Amino acid sequence: MRDVARFALDQAVSSSSGGFNVTHPEGISFSGFLNECLAVMKSDGTPVWVDANVLAEHGVKQWTEPPLWRTHAGVWAVDSHRASEVGLRCRPIAETVRDTWKWWAEDGRPVDHPRWAEHGIAPEKEARILASL
């Protein structure tokens, strides 16, 4: 978010105009993101990759149960070239994860949201899915 905020502030005072897609210009895989999280937290956790059909069979809700899980064609095909051309710069994901974990560990708090309880997968549901593999 820090990178996007910096970009938005820079654009507010620039001569550029129009809309911008603001994704990481180099792209980041979800696997790479999770591996960085595990490394920064010094966790011995191991992600278990489950086929989308298995998740659908168990009634898993896209986007809100597993974070960022979407199967719709093209949902992650976002071109941020225009933003990069006018100054979008993104720090390495390891730095972002490290800074976020430090903030959280120092009693950082997420923004309250009225649908907070709708996000995440119930441990019992996750256990049933894993047991079915």
N, C-alpha and C. Protein backbone atom coordinates (compact mmCIF):
# COMPACT_ATOMS: atom_id res chain seq x y z
N MET A 1 0.82 -1.19 0.00
CA MET A 1 0.00 0.00 0.00
C MET A 1 0.87 1.26 0.00
N ARG A 2 2.00 1.18 0.63
CA ARG A 2 2.89 2.34 0.68
C ARG A 2 3.30 2.77 -0.73
N ASP A 3 3.57 1.79 -1.58
CA ASP A 3 3.98 2.09 -2.95
C ASP A 3 2.84 2.72 -3.74
N VAL A 4 1.63 2.21 -3.55
CA VAL A 4 0.46 2.75 -4.25
C VAL A 4 0.16 4.15 -3.73
N ALA A 5 0.26 4.35 -2.42
CA ALA A 5 0.02 5.68 -1.85
C ALA A 5 1.01 6.69 -2.42
N ARG A 6 2.29 6.30 -2.47
CA ARG A 6 3.31 7.21 -3.02
C ARG A 6 2.99 7.55 -4.47
N PHE A 7 2.59 6.54 -5.24
CA PHE A 7 2.25 6.76 -6.65
C PHE A 7 1.06 7.71 -6.77
N ALA A 8 0.02 7.49 -5.96
CA ALA A 8 -1.18 8.34 -6.02
C ALA A 8 -0.84 9.79 -5.67
N LEU A 9 -0.02 9.98 -4.66
CA LEU A 9 0.37 11.34 -4.29
C LEU A 9 1.20 12.00 -5.39
N ASP A 10 2.11 11.23 -5.98
CA ASP A 10 2.91 11.77 -7.09
C ASP A 10 2.01 12.17 -8.26
N GLN A 11 1.02 11.34 -8.55
CA GLN A 11 0.13 11.63 -9.68
C GLN A 11 -0.78 12.82 -9.41
N ALA A 12 -1.10 13.05 -8.15
CA ALA A 12 -1.97 14.18 -7.80
C ALA A 12 -1.33 15.51 -8.16
N VAL A 13 -0.02 15.56 -8.19
CA VAL A 13 0.68 16.82 -8.50
C VAL A 13 1.38 16.77 -9.86
N SER A 14 1.14 15.72 -10.62
CA SER A 14 1.82 15.60 -11.92
C SER A 14 0.91 16.10 -13.04
N SER A 15 1.45 16.13 -14.23
CA SER A 15 0.66 16.52 -15.39
C SER A 15 -0.01 15.32 -16.04
N SER A 16 0.23 14.12 -15.53
CA SER A 16 -0.41 12.92 -16.06
C SER A 16 -1.90 12.96 -15.75
N SER A 17 -2.67 12.29 -16.56
CA SER A 17 -4.11 12.23 -16.29
C SER A 17 -4.64 10.87 -16.70
N GLY A 18 -5.83 10.58 -16.27
CA GLY A 18 -6.47 9.33 -16.63
C GLY A 18 -6.33 8.28 -15.54
N GLY A 19 -6.84 7.11 -15.83
CA GLY A 19 -6.81 6.02 -14.87
C GLY A 19 -5.56 5.16 -15.02
N PHE A 20 -5.19 4.51 -13.94
CA PHE A 20 -4.00 3.66 -13.93
C PHE A 20 -4.32 2.35 -13.23
N ASN A 21 -3.83 1.26 -13.77
CA ASN A 21 -3.82 -0.01 -13.05
C ASN A 21 -2.53 -0.02 -12.24
N VAL A 22 -2.62 -0.38 -10.98
CA VAL A 22 -1.44 -0.33 -10.13
C VAL A 22 -1.15 -1.71 -9.53
N THR A 23 -0.71 -2.59 -10.37
CA THR A 23 -0.23 -3.90 -9.92
C THR A 23 1.29 -3.85 -9.90
N HIS A 24 1.88 -4.83 -9.23
CA HIS A 24 3.35 -4.90 -9.23
C HIS A 24 3.80 -5.13 -10.67
N PRO A 25 4.60 -4.23 -11.22
CA PRO A 25 4.98 -4.32 -12.63
C PRO A 25 5.70 -5.61 -13.01
N GLU A 26 6.39 -6.22 -12.07
CA GLU A 26 7.12 -7.45 -12.37
C GLU A 26 6.28 -8.69 -12.11
N GLY A 27 5.13 -8.53 -11.50
CA GLY A 27 4.27 -9.66 -11.20
C GLY A 27 4.79 -10.45 -10.01
N ILE A 28 3.89 -10.96 -9.23
CA ILE A 28 4.23 -11.74 -8.05
C ILE A 28 3.30 -12.94 -8.02
N SER A 29 3.84 -14.11 -7.90
CA SER A 29 2.98 -15.29 -7.80
C SER A 29 2.46 -15.41 -6.36
N PHE A 30 1.31 -16.03 -6.21
CA PHE A 30 0.78 -16.23 -4.87
C PHE A 30 1.71 -17.14 -4.08
N SER A 31 2.27 -18.11 -4.76
CA SER A 31 3.24 -19.01 -4.12
C SER A 31 4.44 -18.23 -3.61
N GLY A 32 4.96 -17.33 -4.43
CA GLY A 32 6.09 -16.51 -4.01
C GLY A 32 5.74 -15.63 -2.83
N PHE A 33 4.54 -15.07 -2.85
CA PHE A 33 4.08 -14.25 -1.74
C PHE A 33 4.01 -15.06 -0.45
N LEU A 34 3.39 -16.24 -0.52
CA LEU A 34 3.27 -17.07 0.68
C LEU A 34 4.64 -17.51 1.19
N ASN A 35 5.53 -17.85 0.28
CA ASN A 35 6.87 -18.26 0.71
C ASN A 35 7.60 -17.12 1.41
N GLU A 36 7.43 -15.90 0.93
CA GLU A 36 8.03 -14.74 1.61
C GLU A 36 7.43 -14.57 3.00
N CYS A 37 6.11 -14.74 3.12
CA CYS A 37 5.45 -14.63 4.43
C CYS A 37 6.01 -15.67 5.39
N LEU A 38 6.13 -16.90 4.94
CA LEU A 38 6.66 -17.97 5.79
C LEU A 38 8.09 -17.67 6.22
N ALA A 39 8.90 -17.18 5.30
CA ALA A 39 10.29 -16.88 5.61
C ALA A 39 10.40 -15.74 6.63
N VAL A 40 9.66 -14.67 6.41
CA VAL A 40 9.73 -13.51 7.30
C VAL A 40 9.24 -13.89 8.70
N MET A 41 8.20 -14.70 8.78
CA MET A 41 7.66 -15.09 10.09
C MET A 41 8.41 -16.25 10.71
N LYS A 42 9.43 -16.73 9.99
CA LYS A 42 10.21 -17.88 10.45
C LYS A 42 9.28 -19.05 10.79
N SER A 43 8.33 -19.28 9.89
CA SER A 43 7.33 -20.33 10.07
C SER A 43 7.78 -21.60 9.38
N ASP A 44 7.40 -22.73 9.97
CA ASP A 44 7.67 -24.00 9.31
C ASP A 44 6.42 -24.52 8.60
N GLY A 45 5.45 -23.63 8.39
CA GLY A 45 4.22 -24.00 7.69
C GLY A 45 4.50 -24.40 6.26
N THR A 46 3.64 -25.21 5.71
CA THR A 46 3.78 -25.65 4.33
C THR A 46 2.45 -25.46 3.61
N PRO A 47 2.40 -24.62 2.58
CA PRO A 47 1.15 -24.45 1.85
C PRO A 47 0.73 -25.77 1.20
N VAL A 48 -0.56 -26.02 1.19
CA VAL A 48 -1.12 -27.19 0.51
C VAL A 48 -1.95 -26.65 -0.64
N TRP A 49 -1.56 -26.98 -1.85
CA TRP A 49 -2.26 -26.48 -3.03
C TRP A 49 -3.37 -27.46 -3.37
N VAL A 50 -4.58 -26.93 -3.46
CA VAL A 50 -5.77 -27.74 -3.68
C VAL A 50 -6.40 -27.31 -5.00
N ASP A 51 -6.77 -28.28 -5.81
CA ASP A 51 -7.40 -28.01 -7.09
C ASP A 51 -8.68 -27.20 -6.89
N ALA A 52 -8.91 -26.26 -7.81
CA ALA A 52 -10.10 -25.41 -7.72
C ALA A 52 -11.39 -26.21 -7.69
N ASN A 53 -11.42 -27.34 -8.41
CA ASN A 53 -12.63 -28.17 -8.41
C ASN A 53 -12.92 -28.74 -7.03
N VAL A 54 -11.88 -29.11 -6.29
CA VAL A 54 -12.07 -29.63 -4.94
C VAL A 54 -12.64 -28.53 -4.04
N LEU A 55 -12.10 -27.33 -4.16
CA LEU A 55 -12.61 -26.22 -3.36
C LEU A 55 -14.08 -25.95 -3.70
N ALA A 56 -14.41 -25.97 -4.99
CA ALA A 56 -15.79 -25.74 -5.41
C ALA A 56 -16.72 -26.83 -4.87
N GLU A 57 -16.26 -28.09 -4.89
CA GLU A 57 -17.06 -29.19 -4.36
C GLU A 57 -17.37 -29.01 -2.88
N HIS A 58 -16.50 -28.34 -2.17
CA HIS A 58 -16.69 -28.10 -0.73
C HIS A 58 -17.37 -26.77 -0.45
N GLY A 59 -17.83 -26.10 -1.51
CA GLY A 59 -18.56 -24.86 -1.33
C GLY A 59 -17.72 -23.69 -0.85
N VAL A 60 -16.44 -23.70 -1.17
CA VAL A 60 -15.56 -22.61 -0.77
C VAL A 60 -15.88 -21.36 -1.60
N LYS A 61 -16.03 -20.25 -0.92
CA LYS A 61 -16.36 -18.99 -1.58
C LYS A 61 -15.11 -18.32 -2.10
N GLN A 62 -15.13 -18.00 -3.39
CA GLN A 62 -13.99 -17.29 -3.98
C GLN A 62 -13.85 -15.92 -3.32
N TRP A 63 -12.61 -15.51 -3.21
CA TRP A 63 -12.18 -14.21 -2.74
C TRP A 63 -12.24 -14.06 -1.23
N THR A 64 -13.31 -14.53 -0.57
CA THR A 64 -13.45 -14.25 0.85
C THR A 64 -12.97 -15.38 1.76
N GLU A 65 -13.02 -16.63 1.29
CA GLU A 65 -12.52 -17.69 2.17
C GLU A 65 -11.02 -17.84 1.98
N PRO A 66 -10.53 -18.40 0.87
CA PRO A 66 -9.08 -18.26 0.66
C PRO A 66 -8.85 -16.86 0.10
N PRO A 67 -8.00 -16.06 0.71
CA PRO A 67 -7.82 -14.70 0.22
C PRO A 67 -7.29 -14.68 -1.21
N LEU A 68 -7.85 -13.81 -2.00
CA LEU A 68 -7.43 -13.57 -3.38
C LEU A 68 -7.65 -14.73 -4.33
N TRP A 69 -8.40 -15.75 -3.94
CA TRP A 69 -8.65 -16.87 -4.85
C TRP A 69 -9.78 -16.51 -5.80
N ARG A 70 -9.46 -16.43 -7.07
CA ARG A 70 -10.43 -16.16 -8.12
C ARG A 70 -10.12 -17.05 -9.31
N THR A 71 -11.13 -17.66 -9.89
CA THR A 71 -10.91 -18.55 -11.03
C THR A 71 -11.40 -17.97 -12.35
N HIS A 72 -12.02 -16.81 -12.32
CA HIS A 72 -12.55 -16.21 -13.54
C HIS A 72 -11.41 -15.86 -14.50
N ALA A 73 -11.58 -16.23 -15.76
CA ALA A 73 -10.55 -15.98 -16.77
C ALA A 73 -10.19 -14.50 -16.82
N GLY A 74 -8.93 -14.21 -16.79
CA GLY A 74 -8.44 -12.85 -16.94
C GLY A 74 -8.46 -11.99 -15.70
N VAL A 75 -8.94 -12.52 -14.58
CA VAL A 75 -9.08 -11.69 -13.39
C VAL A 75 -7.74 -11.12 -12.92
N TRP A 76 -6.67 -11.83 -13.14
CA TRP A 76 -5.35 -11.35 -12.71
C TRP A 76 -4.52 -10.81 -13.88
N ALA A 77 -5.11 -10.73 -15.06
CA ALA A 77 -4.40 -10.21 -16.23
C ALA A 77 -4.55 -8.69 -16.28
N VAL A 78 -3.82 -8.01 -15.43
CA VAL A 78 -3.91 -6.55 -15.31
C VAL A 78 -2.59 -5.95 -15.79
N ASP A 79 -2.67 -5.06 -16.73
CA ASP A 79 -1.48 -4.44 -17.29
C ASP A 79 -1.22 -3.10 -16.62
N SER A 80 -0.10 -3.00 -15.93
CA SER A 80 0.23 -1.76 -15.23
C SER A 80 1.35 -0.98 -15.93
N HIS A 81 1.57 -1.26 -17.21
CA HIS A 81 2.64 -0.58 -17.94
C HIS A 81 2.50 0.94 -17.90
N ARG A 82 1.29 1.43 -18.09
CA ARG A 82 1.09 2.88 -18.12
C ARG A 82 1.52 3.50 -16.79
N ALA A 83 1.14 2.87 -15.69
CA ALA A 83 1.53 3.38 -14.37
C ALA A 83 3.05 3.34 -14.20
N SER A 84 3.67 2.27 -14.66
CA SER A 84 5.13 2.16 -14.57
C SER A 84 5.82 3.25 -15.38
N GLU A 85 5.26 3.54 -16.55
CA GLU A 85 5.85 4.55 -17.42
C GLU A 85 5.85 5.94 -16.79
N VAL A 86 4.88 6.20 -15.91
CA VAL A 86 4.81 7.54 -15.30
C VAL A 86 5.29 7.54 -13.85
N GLY A 87 5.89 6.42 -13.39
CA GLY A 87 6.55 6.48 -12.10
C GLY A 87 6.19 5.46 -11.04
N LEU A 88 5.28 4.54 -11.31
CA LEU A 88 4.99 3.52 -10.29
C LEU A 88 6.23 2.68 -10.04
N ARG A 89 6.65 2.63 -8.81
CA ARG A 89 7.78 1.80 -8.40
C ARG A 89 7.33 0.97 -7.20
N CYS A 90 7.61 -0.29 -7.24
CA CYS A 90 7.21 -1.18 -6.15
C CYS A 90 8.44 -1.79 -5.49
N ARG A 91 8.43 -1.77 -4.19
CA ARG A 91 9.52 -2.38 -3.43
C ARG A 91 9.44 -3.90 -3.61
N PRO A 92 10.52 -4.62 -3.35
CA PRO A 92 10.46 -6.08 -3.41
C PRO A 92 9.43 -6.61 -2.41
N ILE A 93 8.74 -7.68 -2.78
CA ILE A 93 7.70 -8.22 -1.92
C ILE A 93 8.25 -8.61 -0.55
N ALA A 94 9.48 -9.07 -0.48
CA ALA A 94 10.07 -9.45 0.81
C ALA A 94 10.12 -8.25 1.75
N GLU A 95 10.43 -7.07 1.23
CA GLU A 95 10.48 -5.86 2.05
C GLU A 95 9.08 -5.49 2.54
N THR A 96 8.10 -5.57 1.67
CA THR A 96 6.73 -5.25 2.05
C THR A 96 6.22 -6.22 3.12
N VAL A 97 6.47 -7.51 2.93
CA VAL A 97 6.05 -8.50 3.92
C VAL A 97 6.76 -8.26 5.25
N ARG A 98 8.06 -8.02 5.20
CA ARG A 98 8.83 -7.78 6.43
C ARG A 98 8.29 -6.56 7.19
N ASP A 99 8.05 -5.47 6.47
CA ASP A 99 7.55 -4.25 7.13
C ASP A 99 6.15 -4.45 7.69
N THR A 100 5.32 -5.18 6.97
CA THR A 100 3.95 -5.44 7.44
C THR A 100 3.98 -6.32 8.67
N TRP A 101 4.81 -7.36 8.67
CA TRP A 101 4.91 -8.25 9.83
C TRP A 101 5.43 -7.49 11.05
N LYS A 102 6.40 -6.62 10.83
CA LYS A 102 6.94 -5.80 11.94
C LYS A 102 5.84 -4.92 12.52
N TRP A 103 5.08 -4.28 11.64
CA TRP A 103 3.97 -3.43 12.09
C TRP A 103 2.95 -4.24 12.89
N TRP A 104 2.59 -5.42 12.36
CA TRP A 104 1.60 -6.27 13.03
C TRP A 104 2.12 -6.72 14.40
N ALA A 105 3.38 -7.11 14.45
CA ALA A 105 3.98 -7.58 15.70
C ALA A 105 4.06 -6.47 16.75
N GLU A 106 4.13 -5.24 16.29
CA GLU A 106 4.18 -4.10 17.21
C GLU A 106 2.78 -3.58 17.52
N ASP A 107 1.79 -4.47 17.44
CA ASP A 107 0.40 -4.17 17.77
C ASP A 107 -0.34 -3.40 16.70
N GLY A 108 0.05 -3.60 15.44
CA GLY A 108 -0.69 -3.00 14.34
C GLY A 108 -2.09 -3.61 14.27
N ARG A 109 -3.02 -2.87 13.77
CA ARG A 109 -4.40 -3.33 13.69
C ARG A 109 -4.94 -3.13 12.28
N PRO A 110 -5.64 -4.13 11.75
CA PRO A 110 -6.27 -3.92 10.45
C PRO A 110 -7.42 -2.92 10.58
N VAL A 111 -7.82 -2.37 9.48
CA VAL A 111 -8.93 -1.44 9.46
C VAL A 111 -10.21 -2.21 9.75
N ASP A 112 -11.03 -1.69 10.66
CA ASP A 112 -12.31 -2.33 10.94
C ASP A 112 -13.19 -2.31 9.70
N HIS A 113 -13.92 -3.39 9.51
CA HIS A 113 -14.79 -3.49 8.35
C HIS A 113 -16.05 -4.23 8.77
N PRO A 114 -17.22 -3.78 8.33
CA PRO A 114 -18.46 -4.42 8.77
C PRO A 114 -18.60 -5.88 8.32
N ARG A 115 -17.85 -6.30 7.29
CA ARG A 115 -17.94 -7.69 6.84
C ARG A 115 -16.71 -8.50 7.24
N TRP A 116 -15.98 -8.03 8.24
CA TRP A 116 -14.76 -8.69 8.68
C TRP A 116 -14.96 -10.17 8.92
N ALA A 117 -16.05 -10.53 9.58
CA ALA A 117 -16.32 -11.93 9.95
C ALA A 117 -16.60 -12.82 8.74
N GLU A 118 -16.86 -12.24 7.59
CA GLU A 118 -17.15 -13.02 6.38
C GLU A 118 -15.87 -13.50 5.70
N HIS A 119 -14.73 -13.06 6.15
CA HIS A 119 -13.47 -13.38 5.47
C HIS A 119 -12.70 -14.47 6.21
N GLY A 120 -12.08 -15.33 5.43
CA GLY A 120 -11.31 -16.43 6.00
C GLY A 120 -12.15 -17.71 5.98
N ILE A 121 -11.46 -18.81 6.02
CA ILE A 121 -12.13 -20.10 5.98
C ILE A 121 -12.16 -20.68 7.39
N ALA A 122 -13.29 -21.22 7.76
CA ALA A 122 -13.43 -21.80 9.10
C ALA A 122 -12.47 -22.98 9.24
N PRO A 123 -11.80 -23.10 10.37
CA PRO A 123 -10.84 -24.20 10.57
C PRO A 123 -11.46 -25.58 10.33
N GLU A 124 -12.72 -25.76 10.71
CA GLU A 124 -13.38 -27.06 10.51
C GLU A 124 -13.56 -27.36 9.02
N LYS A 125 -13.92 -26.35 8.26
CA LYS A 125 -14.09 -26.52 6.81
C LYS A 125 -12.74 -26.82 6.16
N GLU A 126 -11.72 -26.10 6.56
CA GLU A 126 -10.38 -26.34 6.03
C GLU A 126 -9.93 -27.77 6.34
N ALA A 127 -10.18 -28.21 7.56
CA ALA A 127 -9.79 -29.58 7.96
C ALA A 127 -10.52 -30.62 7.12
N ARG A 128 -11.81 -30.39 6.84
CA ARG A 128 -12.57 -31.34 5.99
C ARG A 128 -11.97 -31.41 4.59
N ILE A 129 -11.61 -30.27 4.04
CA ILE A 129 -11.03 -30.24 2.69
C ILE A 129 -9.70 -30.99 2.70
N LEU A 130 -8.85 -30.68 3.64
CA LEU A 130 -7.53 -31.34 3.70
C LEU A 130 -7.68 -32.85 3.90
N ALA A 131 -8.63 -33.25 4.71
CA ALA A 131 -8.86 -34.69 4.96
C ALA A 131 -9.34 -35.40 3.70
N SER A 132 -9.98 -34.64 2.77
CA SER A 132 -10.50 -35.26 1.57
C SER A 132 -9.43 -35.50 0.50
N LEU A 133 -8.26 -34.94 0.69
CA LEU A 133 -7.22 -35.04 -0.35
C LEU A 133 -6.55 -36.41 -0.37
